[in-house]
Amino acid sequence: MYAAMIRDRGRGDLHRYYRVEGGNHVDGLYDTHPNLLRPMLPCFRSASTALESWTAAGQLPTPDATLARTAVGDPAATCPLGN
């Protein structure tokens, strides 16, 4: 819905929307429900690193995407962006 609002205002070219499958905003609940939830902090860190790289190289960010749940790695420590 947010992405549509941005497009409707004619600002879609300045916006990227990345959805984290299973992501939640209460990372502390991950220990209780590891099969249902995915911590967001590792994804925020990966996104910040990617943004720094794109900016330093003068590149545009990757298009909107959904970061699928992966069986590889520890979701409490890593978040591969797939780019």
PDB file of N, CA and C in Angstrom:
ATOM      1  N   MET A   1       0.814  -1.174   0.000  1.00  0.00           N
ATOM      2  CA  MET A   1       0.000   0.000   0.000  1.00  0.00           C
ATOM      3  C   MET A   1       0.873   1.259   0.000  1.00  0.00           C
ATOM      4  N   TYR A   2       1.937   1.255   0.810  1.00  0.00           N
ATOM      5  CA  TYR A   2       2.816   2.421   0.876  1.00  0.00           C
ATOM      6  C   TYR A   2       3.457   2.688  -0.485  1.00  0.00           C
ATOM      7  N   ALA A   3       3.920   1.622  -1.147  1.00  0.00           N
ATOM      8  CA  ALA A   3       4.552   1.793  -2.455  1.00  0.00           C
ATOM      9  C   ALA A   3       3.575   2.409  -3.455  1.00  0.00           C
ATOM     10  N   ALA A   4       2.319   1.997  -3.413  1.00  0.00           N
ATOM     11  CA  ALA A   4       1.307   2.565  -4.312  1.00  0.00           C
ATOM     12  C   ALA A   4       1.083   4.043  -4.015  1.00  0.00           C
ATOM     13  N   MET A   5       1.086   4.414  -2.755  1.00  0.00           N
ATOM     14  CA  MET A   5       0.913   5.822  -2.386  1.00  0.00           C
ATOM     15  C   MET A   5       2.055   6.667  -2.948  1.00  0.00           C
ATOM     16  N   ILE A   6       3.268   6.151  -2.891  1.00  0.00           N
ATOM     17  CA  ILE A   6       4.433   6.871  -3.419  1.00  0.00           C
ATOM     18  C   ILE A   6       4.295   7.027  -4.939  1.00  0.00           C
ATOM     19  N   ARG A   7       3.938   5.936  -5.624  1.00  0.00           N
ATOM     20  CA  ARG A   7       3.750   6.002  -7.083  1.00  0.00           C
ATOM     21  C   ARG A   7       2.658   6.995  -7.449  1.00  0.00           C
ATOM     22  N   ASP A   8       1.552   6.981  -6.691  1.00  0.00           N
ATOM     23  CA  ASP A   8       0.438   7.898  -6.973  1.00  0.00           C
ATOM     24  C   ASP A   8       0.850   9.360  -6.853  1.00  0.00           C
ATOM     25  N   ARG A   9       1.853   9.654  -6.080  1.00  0.00           N
ATOM     26  CA  ARG A   9       2.353  11.020  -5.901  1.00  0.00           C
ATOM     27  C   ARG A   9       3.432  11.370  -6.930  1.00  0.00           C
ATOM     28  N   GLY A  10       3.711  10.416  -7.863  1.00  0.00           N
ATOM     29  CA  GLY A  10       4.700  10.668  -8.896  1.00  0.00           C
ATOM     30  C   GLY A  10       6.138  10.578  -8.414  1.00  0.00           C
ATOM     31  N   ARG A  11       6.364   9.887  -7.295  1.00  0.00           N
ATOM     32  CA  ARG A  11       7.713   9.790  -6.734  1.00  0.00           C
ATOM     33  C   ARG A  11       8.258   8.359  -6.768  1.00  0.00           C
ATOM     34  N   GLY A  12       7.613   7.493  -7.532  1.00  0.00           N
ATOM     35  CA  GLY A  12       8.002   6.088  -7.564  1.00  0.00           C
ATOM     36  C   GLY A  12       9.443   5.847  -7.971  1.00  0.00           C
ATOM     37  N   ASP A  13       9.984   6.718  -8.839  1.00  0.00           N
ATOM     38  CA  ASP A  13      11.368   6.538  -9.281  1.00  0.00           C
ATOM     39  C   ASP A  13      12.376   6.832  -8.174  1.00  0.00           C
ATOM     40  N   LEU A  14      11.950   7.464  -7.101  1.00  0.00           N
ATOM     41  CA  LEU A  14      12.842   7.784  -5.979  1.00  0.00           C
ATOM     42  C   LEU A  14      12.687   6.804  -4.820  1.00  0.00           C
ATOM     43  N   HIS A  15      11.887   5.791  -5.000  1.00  0.00           N
ATOM     44  CA  HIS A  15      11.517   4.909  -3.897  1.00  0.00           C
ATOM     45  C   HIS A  15      11.791   3.450  -4.243  1.00  0.00           C
ATOM     46  N   ARG A  16      12.267   2.700  -3.280  1.00  0.00           N
ATOM     47  CA  ARG A  16      12.405   1.253  -3.408  1.00  0.00           C
ATOM     48  C   ARG A  16      11.683   0.628  -2.226  1.00  0.00           C
ATOM     49  N   TYR A  17      11.049  -0.509  -2.462  1.00  0.00           N
ATOM     50  CA  TYR A  17      10.299  -1.186  -1.410  1.00  0.00           C
ATOM     51  C   TYR A  17      10.790  -2.624  -1.323  1.00  0.00           C
ATOM     52  N   TYR A  18      11.346  -2.985  -0.193  1.00  0.00           N
ATOM     53  CA  TYR A  18      11.847  -4.333   0.034  1.00  0.00           C
ATOM     54  C   TYR A  18      11.062  -4.960   1.180  1.00  0.00           C
ATOM     55  N   ARG A  19      10.451  -6.077   0.911  1.00  0.00           N
ATOM     56  CA  ARG A  19       9.664  -6.798   1.915  1.00  0.00           C
ATOM     57  C   ARG A  19      10.492  -7.974   2.414  1.00  0.00           C
ATOM     58  N   VAL A  20      10.527  -8.172   3.718  1.00  0.00           N
ATOM     59  CA  VAL A  20      11.266  -9.280   4.325  1.00  0.00           C
ATOM     60  C   VAL A  20      10.252 -10.348   4.723  1.00  0.00           C
ATOM     61  N   GLU A  21      10.264 -11.458   4.006  1.00  0.00           N
ATOM     62  CA  GLU A  21       9.311 -12.528   4.280  1.00  0.00           C
ATOM     63  C   GLU A  21       9.472 -13.047   5.709  1.00  0.00           C
ATOM     64  N   GLY A  22       8.397 -13.013   6.470  1.00  0.00           N
ATOM     65  CA  GLY A  22       8.433 -13.474   7.854  1.00  0.00           C
ATOM     66  C   GLY A  22       9.026 -12.462   8.815  1.00  0.00           C
ATOM     67  N   GLY A  23       9.432 -11.302   8.313  1.00  0.00           N
ATOM     68  CA  GLY A  23      10.065 -10.290   9.159  1.00  0.00           C
ATOM     69  C   GLY A  23       9.097  -9.717  10.176  1.00  0.00           C
ATOM     70  N   ASN A  24       9.629  -9.383  11.328  1.00  0.00           N
ATOM     71  CA  ASN A  24       8.809  -8.784  12.377  1.00  0.00           C
ATOM     72  C   ASN A  24       9.600  -7.670  13.029  1.00  0.00           C
ATOM     73  N   HIS A  25       8.929  -6.844  13.773  1.00  0.00           N
ATOM     74  CA  HIS A  25       9.582  -5.690  14.388  1.00  0.00           C
ATOM     75  C   HIS A  25       9.857  -5.898  15.868  1.00  0.00           C
ATOM     76  N   VAL A  26       9.747  -7.143  16.313  1.00  0.00           N
ATOM     77  CA  VAL A  26      10.019  -7.467  17.713  1.00  0.00           C
ATOM     78  C   VAL A  26      10.987  -8.648  17.717  1.00  0.00           C
ATOM     79  N   ASP A  27      12.261  -8.370  17.444  1.00  0.00           N
ATOM     80  CA  ASP A  27      13.255  -9.428  17.318  1.00  0.00           C
ATOM     81  C   ASP A  27      13.339 -10.318  18.553  1.00  0.00           C
ATOM     82  N   GLY A  28      13.008  -9.792  19.715  1.00  0.00           N
ATOM     83  CA  GLY A  28      13.087 -10.577  20.942  1.00  0.00           C
ATOM     84  C   GLY A  28      12.147 -11.771  20.961  1.00  0.00           C
ATOM     85  N   LEU A  29      11.112 -11.763  20.128  1.00  0.00           N
ATOM     86  CA  LEU A  29      10.180 -12.891  20.077  1.00  0.00           C
ATOM     87  C   LEU A  29      10.689 -14.036  19.208  1.00  0.00           C
ATOM     88  N   TYR A  30      11.776 -13.816  18.481  1.00  0.00           N
ATOM     89  CA  TYR A  30      12.319 -14.843  17.594  1.00  0.00           C
ATOM     90  C   TYR A  30      12.691 -16.108  18.362  1.00  0.00           C
ATOM     91  N   ASP A  31      13.291 -15.970  19.528  1.00  0.00           N
ATOM     92  CA  ASP A  31      13.694 -17.141  20.306  1.00  0.00           C
ATOM     93  C   ASP A  31      12.500 -18.017  20.673  1.00  0.00           C
ATOM     94  N   THR A  32      11.349 -17.414  20.870  1.00  0.00           N
ATOM     95  CA  THR A  32      10.147 -18.160  21.230  1.00  0.00           C
ATOM     96  C   THR A  32       9.474 -18.792  20.011  1.00  0.00           C
ATOM     97  N   HIS A  33       9.571 -18.132  18.853  1.00  0.00           N
ATOM     98  CA  HIS A  33       8.885 -18.593  17.637  1.00  0.00           C
ATOM     99  C   HIS A  33       9.823 -18.596  16.425  1.00  0.00           C
ATOM    100  N   PRO A  34      10.929 -19.349  16.466  1.00  0.00           N
ATOM    101  CA  PRO A  34      11.895 -19.283  15.363  1.00  0.00           C
ATOM    102  C   PRO A  34      11.370 -19.799  14.024  1.00  0.00           C
ATOM    103  N   ASN A  35      10.332 -20.622  14.036  1.00  0.00           N
ATOM    104  CA  ASN A  35       9.782 -21.124  12.776  1.00  0.00           C
ATOM    105  C   ASN A  35       8.761 -20.176  12.157  1.00  0.00           C
ATOM    106  N   LEU A  36       8.350 -19.168  12.914  1.00  0.00           N
ATOM    107  CA  LEU A  36       7.337 -18.228  12.427  1.00  0.00           C
ATOM    108  C   LEU A  36       7.886 -16.839  12.131  1.00  0.00           C
ATOM    109  N   LEU A  37       8.888 -16.427  12.883  1.00  0.00           N
ATOM    110  CA  LEU A  37       9.378 -15.051  12.806  1.00  0.00           C
ATOM    111  C   LEU A  37      10.782 -14.977  12.231  1.00  0.00           C
ATOM    112  N   ARG A  38      11.126 -13.790  11.773  1.00  0.00           N
ATOM    113  CA  ARG A  38      12.467 -13.533  11.254  1.00  0.00           C
ATOM    114  C   ARG A  38      12.907 -12.177  11.783  1.00  0.00           C
ATOM    115  N   PRO A  39      14.029 -12.134  12.490  1.00  0.00           N
ATOM    116  CA  PRO A  39      14.518 -10.855  13.009  1.00  0.00           C
ATOM    117  C   PRO A  39      14.812  -9.874  11.873  1.00  0.00           C
ATOM    118  N   MET A  40      14.520  -8.609  12.096  1.00  0.00           N
ATOM    119  CA  MET A  40      14.737  -7.584  11.076  1.00  0.00           C
ATOM    120  C   MET A  40      16.118  -6.932  11.156  1.00  0.00           C
ATOM    121  N   LEU A  41      16.721  -6.900  12.336  1.00  0.00           N
ATOM    122  CA  LEU A  41      17.995  -6.201  12.499  1.00  0.00           C
ATOM    123  C   LEU A  41      19.058  -6.658  11.502  1.00  0.00           C
ATOM    124  N   PRO A  42      19.261  -7.977  11.285  1.00  0.00           N
ATOM    125  CA  PRO A  42      20.258  -8.365  10.284  1.00  0.00           C
ATOM    126  C   PRO A  42      19.936  -7.830   8.886  1.00  0.00           C
ATOM    127  N   CYS A  43      18.650  -7.740   8.552  1.00  0.00           N
ATOM    128  CA  CYS A  43      18.258  -7.209   7.242  1.00  0.00           C
ATOM    129  C   CYS A  43      18.502  -5.707   7.153  1.00  0.00           C
ATOM    130  N   PHE A  44      18.261  -4.986   8.246  1.00  0.00           N
ATOM    131  CA  PHE A  44      18.569  -3.553   8.268  1.00  0.00           C
ATOM    132  C   PHE A  44      20.065  -3.333   8.057  1.00  0.00           C
ATOM    133  N   ARG A  45      20.873  -4.156   8.701  1.00  0.00           N
ATOM    134  CA  ARG A  45      22.335  -4.032   8.546  1.00  0.00           C
ATOM    135  C   ARG A  45      22.763  -4.323   7.119  1.00  0.00           C
ATOM    136  N   SER A  46      22.231  -5.395   6.530  1.00  0.00           N
ATOM    137  CA  SER A  46      22.571  -5.722   5.139  1.00  0.00           C
ATOM    138  C   SER A  46      22.122  -4.619   4.191  1.00  0.00           C
ATOM    139  N   ALA A  47      20.940  -4.076   4.432  1.00  0.00           N
ATOM    140  CA  ALA A  47      20.427  -2.999   3.577  1.00  0.00           C
ATOM    141  C   ALA A  47      21.284  -1.742   3.687  1.00  0.00           C
ATOM    142  N   SER A  48      21.741  -1.417   4.885  1.00  0.00           N
ATOM    143  CA  SER A  48      22.600  -0.237   5.068  1.00  0.00           C
ATOM    144  C   SER A  48      23.919  -0.409   4.340  1.00  0.00           C
ATOM    145  N   THR A  49      24.491  -1.608   4.430  1.00  0.00           N
ATOM    146  CA  THR A  49      25.745  -1.891   3.727  1.00  0.00           C
ATOM    147  C   THR A  49      25.543  -1.778   2.216  1.00  0.00           C
ATOM    148  N   ALA A  50      24.433  -2.328   1.718  1.00  0.00           N
ATOM    149  CA  ALA A  50      24.148  -2.248   0.281  1.00  0.00           C
ATOM    150  C   ALA A  50      23.956  -0.800  -0.156  1.00  0.00           C
ATOM    151  N   LEU A  51      23.241  -0.014   0.631  1.00  0.00           N
ATOM    152  CA  LEU A  51      23.022   1.396   0.303  1.00  0.00           C
ATOM    153  C   LEU A  51      24.343   2.159   0.238  1.00  0.00           C
ATOM    154  N   GLU A  52      25.231   1.889   1.182  1.00  0.00           N
ATOM    155  CA  GLU A  52      26.554   2.534   1.157  1.00  0.00           C
ATOM    156  C   GLU A  52      27.313   2.156  -0.107  1.00  0.00           C
ATOM    157  N   SER A  53      27.243   0.887  -0.500  1.00  0.00           N
ATOM    158  CA  SER A  53      27.945   0.426  -1.704  1.00  0.00           C
ATOM    159  C   SER A  53      27.378   1.072  -2.957  1.00  0.00           C
ATOM    160  N   TRP A  54      26.042   1.108  -3.065  1.00  0.00           N
ATOM    161  CA  TRP A  54      25.423   1.729  -4.238  1.00  0.00           C
ATOM    162  C   TRP A  54      25.795   3.198  -4.328  1.00  0.00           C
ATOM    163  N   THR A  55      25.751   3.893  -3.202  1.00  0.00           N
ATOM    164  CA  THR A  55      26.055   5.325  -3.173  1.00  0.00           C
ATOM    165  C   THR A  55      27.504   5.578  -3.558  1.00  0.00           C
ATOM    166  N   ALA A  56      28.420   4.811  -2.985  1.00  0.00           N
ATOM    167  CA  ALA A  56      29.850   4.991  -3.267  1.00  0.00           C
ATOM    168  C   ALA A  56      30.170   4.727  -4.732  1.00  0.00           C
ATOM    169  N   ALA A  57      29.455   3.774  -5.344  1.00  0.00           N
ATOM    170  CA  ALA A  57      29.715   3.417  -6.736  1.00  0.00           C
ATOM    171  C   ALA A  57      28.867   4.223  -7.718  1.00  0.00           C
ATOM    172  N   GLY A  58      27.985   5.089  -7.201  1.00  0.00           N
ATOM    173  CA  GLY A  58      27.118   5.874  -8.075  1.00  0.00           C
ATOM    174  C   GLY A  58      26.080   5.033  -8.792  1.00  0.00           C
ATOM    175  N   GLN A  59      25.670   3.923  -8.188  1.00  0.00           N
ATOM    176  CA  GLN A  59      24.698   3.018  -8.797  1.00  0.00           C
ATOM    177  C   GLN A  59      23.308   3.244  -8.212  1.00  0.00           C
ATOM    178  N   LEU A  60      22.308   2.860  -8.996  1.00  0.00           N
ATOM    179  CA  LEU A  60      20.933   2.877  -8.499  1.00  0.00           C
ATOM    180  C   LEU A  60      20.694   1.628  -7.656  1.00  0.00           C
ATOM    181  N   PRO A  61      19.864   1.720  -6.644  1.00  0.00           N
ATOM    182  CA  PRO A  61      19.508   0.526  -5.867  1.00  0.00           C
ATOM    183  C   PRO A  61      18.777  -0.490  -6.739  1.00  0.00           C
ATOM    184  N   THR A  62      18.807  -1.730  -6.314  1.00  0.00           N
ATOM    185  CA  THR A  62      18.088  -2.775  -7.031  1.00  0.00           C
ATOM    186  C   THR A  62      16.587  -2.496  -6.972  1.00  0.00           C
ATOM    187  N   PRO A  63      15.822  -3.049  -7.917  1.00  0.00           N
ATOM    188  CA  PRO A  63      14.371  -2.824  -7.923  1.00  0.00           C
ATOM    189  C   PRO A  63      13.696  -3.386  -6.670  1.00  0.00           C
ATOM    190  N   ASP A  64      12.428  -3.017  -6.487  1.00  0.00           N
ATOM    191  CA  ASP A  64      11.639  -3.556  -5.378  1.00  0.00           C
ATOM    192  C   ASP A  64      11.765  -5.077  -5.357  1.00  0.00           C
ATOM    193  N   ALA A  65      11.729  -5.657  -4.158  1.00  0.00           N
ATOM    194  CA  ALA A  65      11.889  -7.107  -4.056  1.00  0.00           C
ATOM    195  C   ALA A  65      11.334  -7.618  -2.740  1.00  0.00           C
ATOM    196  N   THR A  66      11.070  -8.913  -2.724  1.00  0.00           N
ATOM    197  CA  THR A  66      10.752  -9.620  -1.484  1.00  0.00           C
ATOM    198  C   THR A  66      11.941 -10.498  -1.162  1.00  0.00           C
ATOM    199  N   LEU A  67      12.476 -10.349   0.040  1.00  0.00           N
ATOM    200  CA  LEU A  67      13.584 -11.187   0.485  1.00  0.00           C
ATOM    201  C   LEU A  67      12.983 -12.456   1.064  1.00  0.00           C
ATOM    202  N   ALA A  68      13.079 -13.526   0.300  1.00  0.00           N
ATOM    203  CA  ALA A  68      12.477 -14.792   0.710  1.00  0.00           C
ATOM    204  C   ALA A  68      13.200 -15.375   1.916  1.00  0.00           C
ATOM    205  N   ARG A  69      12.456 -16.112   2.689  1.00  0.00           N
ATOM    206  CA  ARG A  69      13.043 -16.846   3.810  1.00  0.00           C
ATOM    207  C   ARG A  69      14.025 -17.848   3.244  1.00  0.00           C
ATOM    208  N   THR A  70      15.175 -17.982   3.838  1.00  0.00           N
ATOM    209  CA  THR A  70      16.181 -18.911   3.352  1.00  0.00           C
ATOM    210  C   THR A  70      16.548 -19.902   4.442  1.00  0.00           C
ATOM    211  N   ALA A  71      16.893 -21.109   4.032  1.00  0.00           N
ATOM    212  CA  ALA A  71      17.308 -22.130   4.994  1.00  0.00           C
ATOM    213  C   ALA A  71      18.806 -22.036   5.272  1.00  0.00           C
ATOM    214  N   VAL A  72      19.492 -21.165   4.558  1.00  0.00           N
ATOM    215  CA  VAL A  72      20.940 -21.022   4.695  1.00  0.00           C
ATOM    216  C   VAL A  72      21.264 -19.964   5.737  1.00  0.00           C
ATOM    217  N   GLY A  73      22.184 -20.282   6.631  1.00  0.00           N
ATOM    218  CA  GLY A  73      22.634 -19.305   7.617  1.00  0.00           C
ATOM    219  C   GLY A  73      21.679 -19.158   8.786  1.00  0.00           C
ATOM    220  N   ASP A  74      22.066 -18.329   9.713  1.00  0.00           N
ATOM    221  CA  ASP A  74      21.294 -18.059  10.920  1.00  0.00           C
ATOM    222  C   ASP A  74      20.528 -16.758  10.719  1.00  0.00           C
ATOM    223  N   PRO A  75      19.193 -16.792  10.630  1.00  0.00           N
ATOM    224  CA  PRO A  75      18.440 -15.565  10.376  1.00  0.00           C
ATOM    225  C   PRO A  75      18.563 -14.523  11.482  1.00  0.00           C
ATOM    226  N   ALA A  76      19.051 -14.923  12.643  1.00  0.00           N
ATOM    227  CA  ALA A  76      19.262 -13.961  13.729  1.00  0.00           C
ATOM    228  C   ALA A  76      20.589 -13.234  13.567  1.00  0.00           C
ATOM    229  N   ALA A  77      21.423 -13.688  12.612  1.00  0.00           N
ATOM    230  CA  ALA A  77      22.745 -13.084  12.433  1.00  0.00           C
ATOM    231  C   ALA A  77      23.004 -12.575  11.021  1.00  0.00           C
ATOM    232  N   THR A  78      22.305 -13.116  10.020  1.00  0.00           N
ATOM    233  CA  THR A  78      22.569 -12.732   8.631  1.00  0.00           C
ATOM    234  C   THR A  78      21.264 -12.518   7.871  1.00  0.00           C
ATOM    235  N   CYS A  79      21.355 -11.765   6.794  1.00  0.00           N
ATOM    236  CA  CYS A  79      20.206 -11.549   5.907  1.00  0.00           C
ATOM    237  C   CYS A  79      20.742 -11.319   4.499  1.00  0.00           C
ATOM    238  N   PRO A  80      20.899 -12.400   3.723  1.00  0.00           N
ATOM    239  CA  PRO A  80      21.374 -12.222   2.353  1.00  0.00           C
ATOM    240  C   PRO A  80      20.342 -11.474   1.512  1.00  0.00           C
ATOM    241  N   LEU A  81      20.797 -10.460   0.800  1.00  0.00           N
ATOM    242  CA  LEU A  81      19.887  -9.653  -0.007  1.00  0.00           C
ATOM    243  C   LEU A  81      19.656 -10.240  -1.385  1.00  0.00           C
ATOM    244  N   GLY A  82      20.505 -11.145  -1.800  1.00  0.00           N
ATOM    245  CA  GLY A  82      20.310 -11.792  -3.086  1.00  0.00           C
ATOM    246  C   GLY A  82      20.678 -10.942  -4.280  1.00  0.00           C
ATOM    247  N   ASN A  83      21.568  -9.947  -4.073  1.00  0.00           N
ATOM    248  CA  ASN A  83      21.965  -9.119  -5.221  1.00  0.00           C
ATOM    249  C   ASN A  83      23.454  -9.070  -5.333  1.00  0.00           C
TER     250      ASN A  83
END
